Amino acid sequence: MNGRATSPWRMGMMAALIAFLSACSDKSRPARQIAGADPSRGLELIDQVGCGACHVIPGLAWPQGRTGGSLEGFGERPLIAGRFPNQPGTLVAWLRDPPSLSPNTAMPPTPLSEAQARDVAAYLYSLDER
């Protein structure tokens, strides 16, 4: 450094920054889970509704759409559609009616019930990079 002693404030800020950055790469936390939801049923619903027409979805061999992007690693993503916190309630609402959250989205409303959207969300949360 420049020969001066590092101030306690600066050391505290550096420690906080290191802790923050370490948390960003922490993969030890368990995957998000939705009580009572069935991930295997979620994959069946994804196939039935036709989500693969726009998205690449691990576990779904065909189709492999590119319009909506790949959902590989979705369980580890911090955001839904690049703008909403990736939390179960928000995801279920997004899966049912994306335009209600983002009017300019290209993703259309789906015919999923609340319970079905919870199953789809459970499947999406099982998609991680671990």
N, C-alpha and C. Protein backbone atom coordinates (compact mmCIF):
# COMPACT_ATOMS: atom_id res chain seq x y z
N MET A 1 0.83 -1.17 0.00
CA MET A 1 0.00 0.00 0.00
C MET A 1 0.88 1.24 0.00
N ASN A 2 0.40 2.33 0.59
CA ASN A 2 1.15 3.58 0.56
C ASN A 2 1.88 3.86 1.87
N GLY A 3 2.05 2.89 2.71
CA GLY A 3 2.79 3.06 3.95
C GLY A 3 1.92 3.45 5.13
N ARG A 4 0.67 3.85 4.89
CA ARG A 4 -0.23 4.20 5.99
C ARG A 4 -0.92 2.95 6.52
N ALA A 5 -1.24 2.96 7.77
CA ALA A 5 -1.99 1.86 8.36
C ALA A 5 -3.40 1.86 7.78
N THR A 6 -3.95 0.69 7.56
CA THR A 6 -5.30 0.59 7.05
C THR A 6 -6.27 0.90 8.18
N SER A 7 -7.24 1.77 7.90
CA SER A 7 -8.19 2.18 8.93
C SER A 7 -9.15 1.04 9.25
N PRO A 8 -9.69 1.03 10.48
CA PRO A 8 -10.68 0.00 10.82
C PRO A 8 -11.89 0.05 9.89
N TRP A 9 -12.29 1.26 9.48
CA TRP A 9 -13.43 1.40 8.58
C TRP A 9 -13.14 0.70 7.25
N ARG A 10 -11.95 0.96 6.71
CA ARG A 10 -11.58 0.36 5.43
C ARG A 10 -11.50 -1.17 5.55
N MET A 11 -10.94 -1.66 6.64
CA MET A 11 -10.85 -3.11 6.84
C MET A 11 -12.25 -3.71 6.93
N GLY A 12 -13.14 -3.01 7.64
CA GLY A 12 -14.52 -3.50 7.76
C GLY A 12 -15.22 -3.54 6.40
N MET A 13 -15.00 -2.52 5.59
CA MET A 13 -15.59 -2.49 4.25
C MET A 13 -15.03 -3.61 3.38
N MET A 14 -13.74 -3.84 3.49
CA MET A 14 -13.13 -4.92 2.70
C MET A 14 -13.68 -6.28 3.13
N ALA A 15 -13.85 -6.48 4.43
CA ALA A 15 -14.39 -7.74 4.93
C ALA A 15 -15.84 -7.93 4.44
N ALA A 16 -16.61 -6.85 4.47
CA ALA A 16 -18.00 -6.93 4.01
C ALA A 16 -18.05 -7.27 2.51
N LEU A 17 -17.17 -6.66 1.74
CA LEU A 17 -17.13 -6.93 0.30
C LEU A 17 -16.75 -8.38 0.03
N ILE A 18 -15.77 -8.88 0.74
CA ILE A 18 -15.36 -10.28 0.57
C ILE A 18 -16.49 -11.23 0.94
N ALA A 19 -17.19 -10.93 2.03
CA ALA A 19 -18.32 -11.77 2.44
C ALA A 19 -19.43 -11.75 1.39
N PHE A 20 -19.71 -10.56 0.86
CA PHE A 20 -20.74 -10.43 -0.17
C PHE A 20 -20.38 -11.23 -1.41
N LEU A 21 -19.16 -11.08 -1.88
CA LEU A 21 -18.73 -11.79 -3.09
C LEU A 21 -18.69 -13.29 -2.87
N SER A 22 -18.34 -13.72 -1.68
CA SER A 22 -18.31 -15.16 -1.38
C SER A 22 -19.71 -15.73 -1.41
N ALA A 23 -20.69 -14.98 -0.94
CA ALA A 23 -22.07 -15.45 -0.93
C ALA A 23 -22.59 -15.66 -2.34
N CYS A 24 -22.12 -14.85 -3.28
CA CYS A 24 -22.57 -14.97 -4.67
C CYS A 24 -22.19 -16.31 -5.27
N SER A 25 -21.13 -16.90 -4.83
CA SER A 25 -20.68 -18.16 -5.42
C SER A 25 -20.97 -19.36 -4.53
N ASP A 26 -21.68 -19.16 -3.43
CA ASP A 26 -21.97 -20.25 -2.51
C ASP A 26 -23.02 -21.18 -3.11
N LYS A 27 -22.66 -22.40 -3.41
CA LYS A 27 -23.58 -23.38 -3.98
C LYS A 27 -24.03 -24.40 -2.94
N SER A 28 -23.75 -24.15 -1.66
CA SER A 28 -24.06 -25.13 -0.64
C SER A 28 -25.50 -25.06 -0.18
N ARG A 29 -26.22 -24.00 -0.52
CA ARG A 29 -27.61 -23.89 -0.07
C ARG A 29 -28.47 -24.89 -0.83
N PRO A 30 -29.51 -25.41 -0.19
CA PRO A 30 -30.36 -26.37 -0.88
C PRO A 30 -31.16 -25.69 -1.99
N ALA A 31 -31.55 -26.48 -2.98
CA ALA A 31 -32.37 -25.95 -4.07
C ALA A 31 -33.70 -25.46 -3.52
N ARG A 32 -34.31 -24.50 -4.22
CA ARG A 32 -35.64 -24.03 -3.81
C ARG A 32 -36.61 -25.19 -3.93
N GLN A 33 -37.53 -25.25 -3.00
CA GLN A 33 -38.52 -26.31 -3.04
C GLN A 33 -39.90 -25.72 -2.80
N ILE A 34 -40.90 -26.37 -3.36
CA ILE A 34 -42.28 -25.93 -3.19
C ILE A 34 -43.03 -27.10 -2.55
N ALA A 35 -43.47 -26.90 -1.32
CA ALA A 35 -44.14 -27.97 -0.57
C ALA A 35 -45.36 -28.48 -1.34
N GLY A 36 -45.46 -29.79 -1.43
CA GLY A 36 -46.60 -30.43 -2.05
C GLY A 36 -46.58 -30.45 -3.57
N ALA A 37 -45.59 -29.85 -4.19
CA ALA A 37 -45.52 -29.83 -5.65
C ALA A 37 -44.76 -31.07 -6.15
N ASP A 38 -45.09 -31.48 -7.36
CA ASP A 38 -44.50 -32.69 -7.94
C ASP A 38 -43.69 -32.33 -9.19
N PRO A 39 -42.34 -32.31 -9.07
CA PRO A 39 -41.51 -31.95 -10.22
C PRO A 39 -41.72 -32.85 -11.44
N SER A 40 -41.96 -34.15 -11.24
CA SER A 40 -42.14 -35.03 -12.40
C SER A 40 -43.44 -34.70 -13.13
N ARG A 41 -44.46 -34.35 -12.38
CA ARG A 41 -45.71 -33.88 -13.00
C ARG A 41 -45.46 -32.56 -13.72
N GLY A 42 -44.59 -31.72 -13.16
CA GLY A 42 -44.25 -30.46 -13.79
C GLY A 42 -43.66 -30.65 -15.18
N LEU A 43 -42.77 -31.63 -15.32
CA LEU A 43 -42.18 -31.90 -16.64
C LEU A 43 -43.26 -32.38 -17.62
N GLU A 44 -44.18 -33.21 -17.16
CA GLU A 44 -45.29 -33.65 -18.02
C GLU A 44 -46.11 -32.46 -18.50
N LEU A 45 -46.39 -31.53 -17.58
CA LEU A 45 -47.17 -30.34 -17.93
C LEU A 45 -46.42 -29.44 -18.91
N ILE A 46 -45.12 -29.31 -18.70
CA ILE A 46 -44.28 -28.52 -19.61
C ILE A 46 -44.41 -29.07 -21.03
N ASP A 47 -44.40 -30.39 -21.14
CA ASP A 47 -44.53 -31.04 -22.44
C ASP A 47 -45.93 -30.81 -23.01
N GLN A 48 -46.97 -30.99 -22.20
CA GLN A 48 -48.35 -30.84 -22.65
C GLN A 48 -48.68 -29.42 -23.09
N VAL A 49 -48.21 -28.44 -22.35
CA VAL A 49 -48.52 -27.03 -22.63
C VAL A 49 -47.72 -26.53 -23.82
N GLY A 50 -46.59 -27.15 -24.11
CA GLY A 50 -45.80 -26.77 -25.26
C GLY A 50 -44.71 -25.74 -24.98
N CYS A 51 -44.23 -25.71 -23.75
CA CYS A 51 -43.18 -24.74 -23.37
C CYS A 51 -41.93 -24.90 -24.21
N GLY A 52 -41.68 -26.12 -24.69
CA GLY A 52 -40.51 -26.40 -25.51
C GLY A 52 -40.55 -25.72 -26.87
N ALA A 53 -41.68 -25.20 -27.28
CA ALA A 53 -41.75 -24.48 -28.55
C ALA A 53 -40.90 -23.21 -28.50
N CYS A 54 -40.74 -22.66 -27.30
CA CYS A 54 -39.95 -21.42 -27.15
C CYS A 54 -38.68 -21.60 -26.34
N HIS A 55 -38.62 -22.63 -25.50
CA HIS A 55 -37.49 -22.80 -24.58
C HIS A 55 -36.77 -24.13 -24.80
N VAL A 56 -35.48 -24.15 -24.55
CA VAL A 56 -34.73 -25.39 -24.40
C VAL A 56 -34.93 -25.79 -22.95
N ILE A 57 -35.42 -27.01 -22.74
CA ILE A 57 -35.75 -27.46 -21.38
C ILE A 57 -35.09 -28.81 -21.14
N PRO A 58 -34.14 -28.87 -20.21
CA PRO A 58 -33.54 -30.17 -19.89
C PRO A 58 -34.63 -31.17 -19.48
N GLY A 59 -34.53 -32.37 -20.00
CA GLY A 59 -35.52 -33.40 -19.72
C GLY A 59 -36.57 -33.49 -20.81
N LEU A 60 -36.63 -32.50 -21.68
CA LEU A 60 -37.57 -32.48 -22.80
C LEU A 60 -36.74 -32.58 -24.08
N ALA A 61 -36.86 -33.71 -24.78
CA ALA A 61 -36.01 -33.94 -25.95
C ALA A 61 -36.43 -33.10 -27.16
N TRP A 62 -37.72 -32.87 -27.30
CA TRP A 62 -38.21 -32.13 -28.46
C TRP A 62 -39.51 -31.45 -28.11
N PRO A 63 -39.82 -30.31 -28.61
CA PRO A 63 -38.98 -29.44 -29.41
C PRO A 63 -37.96 -28.71 -28.53
N GLN A 64 -37.06 -28.01 -29.17
CA GLN A 64 -36.02 -27.26 -28.47
C GLN A 64 -36.03 -25.83 -29.00
N GLY A 65 -37.03 -25.06 -28.59
CA GLY A 65 -37.18 -23.68 -29.06
C GLY A 65 -36.03 -22.80 -28.59
N ARG A 66 -35.83 -21.71 -29.31
CA ARG A 66 -34.75 -20.78 -28.98
C ARG A 66 -35.27 -19.38 -28.68
N THR A 67 -36.54 -19.12 -28.91
CA THR A 67 -37.10 -17.78 -28.70
C THR A 67 -36.99 -17.34 -27.25
N GLY A 68 -37.36 -18.20 -26.34
CA GLY A 68 -37.38 -17.85 -24.92
C GLY A 68 -36.10 -18.20 -24.18
N GLY A 69 -35.16 -18.81 -24.83
CA GLY A 69 -33.91 -19.14 -24.17
C GLY A 69 -33.96 -20.46 -23.42
N SER A 70 -32.80 -20.93 -23.08
CA SER A 70 -32.65 -22.19 -22.35
C SER A 70 -33.02 -22.00 -20.89
N LEU A 71 -33.66 -23.03 -20.33
CA LEU A 71 -34.00 -23.01 -18.91
C LEU A 71 -33.03 -23.87 -18.10
N GLU A 72 -31.95 -24.30 -18.74
CA GLU A 72 -30.91 -25.05 -18.04
C GLU A 72 -30.35 -24.19 -16.91
N GLY A 73 -30.24 -24.77 -15.73
CA GLY A 73 -29.71 -24.04 -14.57
C GLY A 73 -30.69 -23.07 -13.96
N PHE A 74 -31.97 -23.16 -14.32
CA PHE A 74 -32.96 -22.19 -13.83
C PHE A 74 -33.00 -22.13 -12.30
N GLY A 75 -32.84 -23.27 -11.66
CA GLY A 75 -32.92 -23.31 -10.20
C GLY A 75 -31.89 -22.45 -9.50
N GLU A 76 -30.80 -22.14 -10.19
CA GLU A 76 -29.73 -21.32 -9.61
C GLU A 76 -29.82 -19.84 -9.99
N ARG A 77 -30.74 -19.50 -10.86
CA ARG A 77 -30.83 -18.12 -11.32
C ARG A 77 -31.45 -17.21 -10.26
N PRO A 78 -30.91 -16.01 -10.11
CA PRO A 78 -31.47 -15.09 -9.13
C PRO A 78 -32.72 -14.37 -9.63
N LEU A 79 -32.92 -14.33 -10.95
CA LEU A 79 -34.03 -13.57 -11.51
C LEU A 79 -34.86 -14.40 -12.48
N ILE A 80 -36.12 -14.04 -12.58
CA ILE A 80 -37.03 -14.61 -13.56
C ILE A 80 -37.14 -13.57 -14.68
N ALA A 81 -36.95 -14.00 -15.91
CA ALA A 81 -37.02 -13.11 -17.08
C ALA A 81 -36.08 -11.91 -16.95
N GLY A 82 -35.03 -12.09 -16.18
CA GLY A 82 -34.04 -11.04 -16.03
C GLY A 82 -34.47 -9.85 -15.21
N ARG A 83 -35.65 -9.94 -14.53
CA ARG A 83 -36.10 -8.76 -13.79
C ARG A 83 -36.87 -9.00 -12.51
N PHE A 84 -37.36 -10.19 -12.25
CA PHE A 84 -38.13 -10.45 -11.04
C PHE A 84 -37.38 -11.42 -10.13
N PRO A 85 -37.47 -11.25 -8.81
CA PRO A 85 -36.77 -12.17 -7.91
C PRO A 85 -37.24 -13.61 -8.14
N ASN A 86 -36.32 -14.52 -8.22
CA ASN A 86 -36.66 -15.92 -8.46
C ASN A 86 -37.09 -16.56 -7.15
N GLN A 87 -38.33 -16.29 -6.80
CA GLN A 87 -38.95 -16.84 -5.59
C GLN A 87 -40.19 -17.62 -6.00
N PRO A 88 -40.56 -18.65 -5.24
CA PRO A 88 -41.67 -19.52 -5.64
C PRO A 88 -42.99 -18.79 -5.98
N GLY A 89 -43.44 -17.88 -5.15
CA GLY A 89 -44.70 -17.19 -5.43
C GLY A 89 -44.65 -16.38 -6.72
N THR A 90 -43.54 -15.72 -6.94
CA THR A 90 -43.37 -14.92 -8.16
C THR A 90 -43.30 -15.83 -9.37
N LEU A 91 -42.58 -16.94 -9.25
CA LEU A 91 -42.47 -17.87 -10.38
C LEU A 91 -43.83 -18.45 -10.74
N VAL A 92 -44.61 -18.85 -9.76
CA VAL A 92 -45.94 -19.42 -10.03
C VAL A 92 -46.81 -18.38 -10.74
N ALA A 93 -46.78 -17.14 -10.27
CA ALA A 93 -47.55 -16.07 -10.93
C ALA A 93 -47.06 -15.86 -12.36
N TRP A 94 -45.75 -15.86 -12.56
CA TRP A 94 -45.17 -15.69 -13.89
C TRP A 94 -45.59 -16.82 -14.82
N LEU A 95 -45.55 -18.05 -14.33
CA LEU A 95 -45.91 -19.19 -15.17
C LEU A 95 -47.37 -19.15 -15.61
N ARG A 96 -48.22 -18.62 -14.80
CA ARG A 96 -49.65 -18.56 -15.13
C ARG A 96 -49.98 -17.40 -16.06
N ASP A 97 -49.42 -16.22 -15.79
CA ASP A 97 -49.80 -15.04 -16.56
C ASP A 97 -48.66 -14.03 -16.63
N PRO A 98 -47.64 -14.32 -17.45
CA PRO A 98 -46.50 -13.40 -17.54
C PRO A 98 -46.86 -11.96 -17.89
N PRO A 99 -47.80 -11.71 -18.82
CA PRO A 99 -48.11 -10.32 -19.15
C PRO A 99 -48.68 -9.50 -17.98
N SER A 100 -49.22 -10.19 -16.98
CA SER A 100 -49.73 -9.43 -15.82
C SER A 100 -48.58 -8.83 -15.02
N LEU A 101 -47.40 -9.44 -15.10
CA LEU A 101 -46.22 -8.92 -14.41
C LEU A 101 -45.38 -8.03 -15.33
N SER A 102 -45.36 -8.36 -16.60
CA SER A 102 -44.55 -7.63 -17.57
C SER A 102 -45.34 -7.52 -18.87
N PRO A 103 -46.11 -6.46 -19.03
CA PRO A 103 -47.00 -6.33 -20.19
C PRO A 103 -46.33 -6.45 -21.55
N ASN A 104 -45.05 -6.14 -21.65
CA ASN A 104 -44.36 -6.21 -22.94
C ASN A 104 -43.65 -7.53 -23.20
N THR A 105 -43.85 -8.52 -22.33
CA THR A 105 -43.19 -9.81 -22.54
C THR A 105 -43.77 -10.52 -23.76
N ALA A 106 -42.95 -11.33 -24.39
CA ALA A 106 -43.41 -12.16 -25.50
C ALA A 106 -44.04 -13.46 -25.01
N MET A 107 -43.84 -13.76 -23.73
CA MET A 107 -44.39 -15.01 -23.18
C MET A 107 -45.89 -14.84 -22.92
N PRO A 108 -46.70 -15.72 -23.49
CA PRO A 108 -48.14 -15.59 -23.34
C PRO A 108 -48.66 -16.18 -22.02
N PRO A 109 -49.88 -15.84 -21.63
CA PRO A 109 -50.50 -16.52 -20.49
C PRO A 109 -50.62 -18.01 -20.81
N THR A 110 -50.62 -18.83 -19.78
CA THR A 110 -50.73 -20.28 -19.98
C THR A 110 -52.05 -20.77 -19.37
N PRO A 111 -52.48 -21.97 -19.74
CA PRO A 111 -53.71 -22.52 -19.17
C PRO A 111 -53.47 -23.24 -17.83
N LEU A 112 -52.32 -23.01 -17.20
CA LEU A 112 -52.00 -23.73 -15.96
C LEU A 112 -52.82 -23.24 -14.78
N SER A 113 -53.31 -24.19 -14.00
CA SER A 113 -53.95 -23.85 -12.73
C SER A 113 -52.86 -23.50 -11.72
N GLU A 114 -53.24 -23.01 -10.57
CA GLU A 114 -52.26 -22.70 -9.51
C GLU A 114 -51.46 -23.94 -9.15
N ALA A 115 -52.14 -25.08 -8.95
CA ALA A 115 -51.45 -26.32 -8.57
C ALA A 115 -50.52 -26.79 -9.68
N GLN A 116 -50.95 -26.69 -10.92
CA GLN A 116 -50.11 -27.10 -12.04
C GLN A 116 -48.88 -26.21 -12.15
N ALA A 117 -49.08 -24.90 -11.98
CA ALA A 117 -47.94 -23.98 -12.04
C ALA A 117 -46.94 -24.28 -10.92
N ARG A 118 -47.44 -24.70 -9.77
CA ARG A 118 -46.54 -25.08 -8.67
C ARG A 118 -45.72 -26.31 -9.05
N ASP A 119 -46.34 -27.27 -9.74
CA ASP A 119 -45.61 -28.45 -10.20
C ASP A 119 -44.53 -28.07 -11.23
N VAL A 120 -44.89 -27.19 -12.16
CA VAL A 120 -43.92 -26.73 -13.16
C VAL A 120 -42.78 -25.99 -12.47
N ALA A 121 -43.12 -25.14 -11.52
CA ALA A 121 -42.09 -24.40 -10.77
C ALA A 121 -41.16 -25.37 -10.05
N ALA A 122 -41.73 -26.41 -9.45
CA ALA A 122 -40.90 -27.40 -8.75
C ALA A 122 -39.92 -28.06 -9.72
N TYR A 123 -40.38 -28.34 -10.94
CA TYR A 123 -39.47 -28.93 -11.92
C TYR A 123 -38.38 -27.93 -12.30
N LEU A 124 -38.77 -26.69 -12.56
CA LEU A 124 -37.77 -25.68 -12.94
C LEU A 124 -36.74 -25.49 -11.83
N TYR A 125 -37.16 -25.56 -10.58
CA TYR A 125 -36.22 -25.41 -9.48
C TYR A 125 -35.29 -26.62 -9.33
N SER A 126 -35.66 -27.73 -9.96
CA SER A 126 -34.77 -28.91 -9.93
C SER A 126 -33.66 -28.77 -10.96
N LEU A 127 -33.75 -27.80 -11.83
CA LEU A 127 -32.74 -27.59 -12.88
C LEU A 127 -31.65 -26.70 -12.36
N ASP A 128 -30.58 -27.31 -11.93
CA ASP A 128 -29.44 -26.52 -11.47
C ASP A 128 -28.17 -27.03 -12.11
N GLU A 129 -27.10 -26.36 -11.85
CA GLU A 129 -25.82 -26.72 -12.47
C GLU A 129 -24.94 -27.53 -11.55
N ARG A 130 -25.47 -28.02 -10.46
CA ARG A 130 -24.68 -28.82 -9.52
C ARG A 130 -24.49 -30.21 -10.03
